[in-house]
Amino acid sequence: MLSRTTTSVVTFLNPFVVAGYTDELPPDEYELLADEDIVQIHSFASCRRTATFLLINWQAGKSELRATDHRDLELVLAQERAAANKHEIKNSAAALSPSEDQK
């Protein structure tokens, strides 16, 4: 069976907590690593995620690789998006107000 690891970057604008850990992480960019098994049946290939890790770079020059469930991480990211959308709507109230005709 083949496997692969993909890497992406996620950005948090607000402090957050990942399920399974008690400490709050600061807003920052975090590297996300996803391990997947590649299953090939005849000419069709599919991927199955086997592990998800969040790379945390601490200020003291240390890093930590935290295992997390990808569904828990998706929930935290959805909360981050909702907070960002709420902030955008709140700050764009002037643009949503009706314009007055000037004569």
C-alpha atoms as a PDB file:
ATOM      1  CA  MET A   1       0.000   0.000   0.000  1.00  0.00           C
ATOM      2  CA  LEU A   2       1.258   3.443  -0.878  1.00  0.00           C
ATOM      3  CA  SER A   3       1.087   6.385   1.474  1.00  0.00           C
ATOM      4  CA  ARG A   4       1.716  10.106   1.283  1.00  0.00           C
ATOM      5  CA  THR A   5       1.936  13.143   3.508  1.00  0.00           C
ATOM      6  CA  THR A   6       0.541  16.447   2.349  1.00  0.00           C
ATOM      7  CA  THR A   7       1.392  19.762   3.962  1.00  0.00           C
ATOM      8  CA  SER A   8      -0.681  22.923   4.022  1.00  0.00           C
ATOM      9  CA  VAL A   9      -0.801  26.117   6.061  1.00  0.00           C
ATOM     10  CA  VAL A  10      -3.788  27.269   8.096  1.00  0.00           C
ATOM     11  CA  THR A  11      -4.089  30.769   9.532  1.00  0.00           C
ATOM     12  CA  PHE A  12      -5.894  31.573  12.746  1.00  0.00           C
ATOM     13  CA  LEU A  13      -6.726  35.192  13.541  1.00  0.00           C
ATOM     14  CA  ASN A  14      -8.081  34.342  16.989  1.00  0.00           C
ATOM     15  CA  PRO A  15      -6.809  32.189  19.869  1.00  0.00           C
ATOM     16  CA  PHE A  16      -8.109  28.619  19.639  1.00  0.00           C
ATOM     17  CA  VAL A  17      -8.138  25.251  21.399  1.00  0.00           C
ATOM     18  CA  VAL A  18      -7.869  21.917  19.592  1.00  0.00           C
ATOM     19  CA  ALA A  19      -9.895  19.030  21.045  1.00  0.00           C
ATOM     20  CA  GLY A  20      -7.814  16.741  23.220  1.00  0.00           C
ATOM     21  CA  TYR A  21      -5.574  19.565  24.476  1.00  0.00           C
ATOM     22  CA  THR A  22      -6.259  22.070  27.226  1.00  0.00           C
ATOM     23  CA  ASP A  23      -4.001  24.969  26.298  1.00  0.00           C
ATOM     24  CA  GLU A  24      -5.107  27.835  24.110  1.00  0.00           C
ATOM     25  CA  LEU A  25      -2.941  28.414  21.046  1.00  0.00           C
ATOM     26  CA  PRO A  26      -2.213  31.959  19.875  1.00  0.00           C
ATOM     27  CA  PRO A  27      -3.321  33.388  16.526  1.00  0.00           C
ATOM     28  CA  ASP A  28      -0.706  32.523  13.905  1.00  0.00           C
ATOM     29  CA  GLU A  29      -0.001  30.453  10.819  1.00  0.00           C
ATOM     30  CA  TYR A  30       0.297  26.729  11.507  1.00  0.00           C
ATOM     31  CA  GLU A  31       1.557  23.943   9.317  1.00  0.00           C
ATOM     32  CA  LEU A  32      -0.904  21.089   8.880  1.00  0.00           C
ATOM     33  CA  LEU A  33       0.362  17.627   7.934  1.00  0.00           C
ATOM     34  CA  ALA A  34      -2.026  14.937   6.697  1.00  0.00           C
ATOM     35  CA  ASP A  35      -0.947  11.303   6.305  1.00  0.00           C
ATOM     36  CA  GLU A  36      -2.996   9.323   3.803  1.00  0.00           C
ATOM     37  CA  ASP A  37      -3.015   5.779   2.506  1.00  0.00           C
ATOM     38  CA  ILE A  38      -3.519   5.467  -1.230  1.00  0.00           C
ATOM     39  CA  VAL A  39      -5.735   2.534  -2.097  1.00  0.00           C
ATOM     40  CA  GLN A  40      -5.732   1.424  -5.709  1.00  0.00           C
ATOM     41  CA  ILE A  41      -8.396  -0.924  -7.012  1.00  0.00           C
ATOM     42  CA  HIS A  42      -7.964  -1.708 -10.688  1.00  0.00           C
ATOM     43  CA  SER A  43      -7.587   1.689 -12.368  1.00  0.00           C
ATOM     44  CA  PHE A  44      -9.234   3.690  -9.586  1.00  0.00           C
ATOM     45  CA  ALA A  45      -7.233   5.230  -6.733  1.00  0.00           C
ATOM     46  CA  SER A  46      -8.603   6.741  -3.550  1.00  0.00           C
ATOM     47  CA  CYS A  47      -7.054   8.267  -0.456  1.00  0.00           C
ATOM     48  CA  ARG A  48      -7.909   7.532   3.149  1.00  0.00           C
ATOM     49  CA  ARG A  49      -6.633   9.910   5.811  1.00  0.00           C
ATOM     50  CA  THR A  50      -4.845   8.024   8.552  1.00  0.00           C
ATOM     51  CA  ALA A  51      -3.469  10.873  10.688  1.00  0.00           C
ATOM     52  CA  THR A  52      -3.535  14.657  10.996  1.00  0.00           C
ATOM     53  CA  PHE A  53      -0.904  16.725  12.769  1.00  0.00           C
ATOM     54  CA  LEU A  54      -0.645  20.402  13.660  1.00  0.00           C
ATOM     55  CA  LEU A  55       2.897  21.779  13.858  1.00  0.00           C
ATOM     56  CA  ILE A  56       3.267  24.326  16.642  1.00  0.00           C
ATOM     57  CA  ASN A  57       6.368  26.509  16.749  1.00  0.00           C
ATOM     58  CA  TRP A  58       6.819  27.851  20.256  1.00  0.00           C
ATOM     59  CA  GLN A  59       8.628  31.148  20.909  1.00  0.00           C
ATOM     60  CA  ALA A  60      11.494  29.416  22.712  1.00  0.00           C
ATOM     61  CA  GLY A  61      12.569  27.880  19.402  1.00  0.00           C
ATOM     62  CA  LYS A  62      10.926  24.552  20.151  1.00  0.00           C
ATOM     63  CA  SER A  63       8.319  22.860  18.010  1.00  0.00           C
ATOM     64  CA  GLU A  64       5.642  20.345  18.774  1.00  0.00           C
ATOM     65  CA  LEU A  65       3.752  18.043  16.427  1.00  0.00           C
ATOM     66  CA  ARG A  66       0.264  17.501  17.813  1.00  0.00           C
ATOM     67  CA  ALA A  67      -1.864  14.629  16.602  1.00  0.00           C
ATOM     68  CA  THR A  68      -5.472  15.674  16.144  1.00  0.00           C
ATOM     69  CA  ASP A  69      -8.603  14.328  14.548  1.00  0.00           C
ATOM     70  CA  HIS A  70      -9.160  16.107  11.237  1.00  0.00           C
ATOM     71  CA  ARG A  71     -12.869  16.532  12.078  1.00  0.00           C
ATOM     72  CA  ASP A  72     -11.972  18.385  15.287  1.00  0.00           C
ATOM     73  CA  LEU A  73      -9.607  20.618  13.352  1.00  0.00           C
ATOM     74  CA  GLU A  74     -12.299  21.279  10.724  1.00  0.00           C
ATOM     75  CA  LEU A  75     -14.638  22.354  13.519  1.00  0.00           C
ATOM     76  CA  VAL A  76     -12.073  24.837  14.861  1.00  0.00           C
ATOM     77  CA  LEU A  77     -11.490  26.175  11.335  1.00  0.00           C
ATOM     78  CA  ALA A  78     -15.256  26.565  10.796  1.00  0.00           C
ATOM     79  CA  GLN A  79     -15.476  28.553  14.034  1.00  0.00           C
ATOM     80  CA  GLU A  80     -12.595  30.726  12.819  1.00  0.00           C
ATOM     81  CA  ARG A  81     -14.372  31.356   9.491  1.00  0.00           C
ATOM     82  CA  ALA A  82     -17.634  32.196  11.291  1.00  0.00           C
ATOM     83  CA  ALA A  83     -15.828  34.686  13.538  1.00  0.00           C
ATOM     84  CA  ALA A  84     -14.141  36.265  10.499  1.00  0.00           C
ATOM     85  CA  ASN A  85     -17.478  36.524   8.642  1.00  0.00           C
ATOM     86  CA  LYS A  86     -19.151  38.065  11.686  1.00  0.00           C
ATOM     87  CA  HIS A  87     -16.320  40.605  11.893  1.00  0.00           C
ATOM     88  CA  GLU A  88     -16.666  41.456   8.177  1.00  0.00           C
ATOM     89  CA  ILE A  89     -20.420  41.945   8.456  1.00  0.00           C
ATOM     90  CA  LYS A  90     -20.029  44.111  11.557  1.00  0.00           C
ATOM     91  CA  ASN A  91     -17.410  46.297   9.857  1.00  0.00           C
ATOM     92  CA  SER A  92     -19.326  46.620   6.587  1.00  0.00           C
ATOM     93  CA  ALA A  93     -22.545  48.037   8.057  1.00  0.00           C
ATOM     94  CA  ALA A  94     -21.945  51.374   6.329  1.00  0.00           C
ATOM     95  CA  ALA A  95     -21.787  49.666   2.970  1.00  0.00           C
ATOM     96  CA  LEU A  96     -25.083  47.924   3.680  1.00  0.00           C
ATOM     97  CA  SER A  97     -26.983  51.047   4.661  1.00  0.00           C
ATOM     98  CA  PRO A  98     -29.196  52.557   1.963  1.00  0.00           C
ATOM     99  CA  SER A  99     -27.662  55.380   0.001  1.00  0.00           C
ATOM    100  CA  GLU A 100     -29.270  58.792   0.012  1.00  0.00           C
ATOM    101  CA  ASP A 101     -29.935  60.591  -3.210  1.00  0.00           C
ATOM    102  CA  GLN A 102     -28.192  63.925  -3.301  1.00  0.00           C
ATOM    103  CA  LYS A 103     -30.017  66.642  -5.235  1.00  0.00           C
END
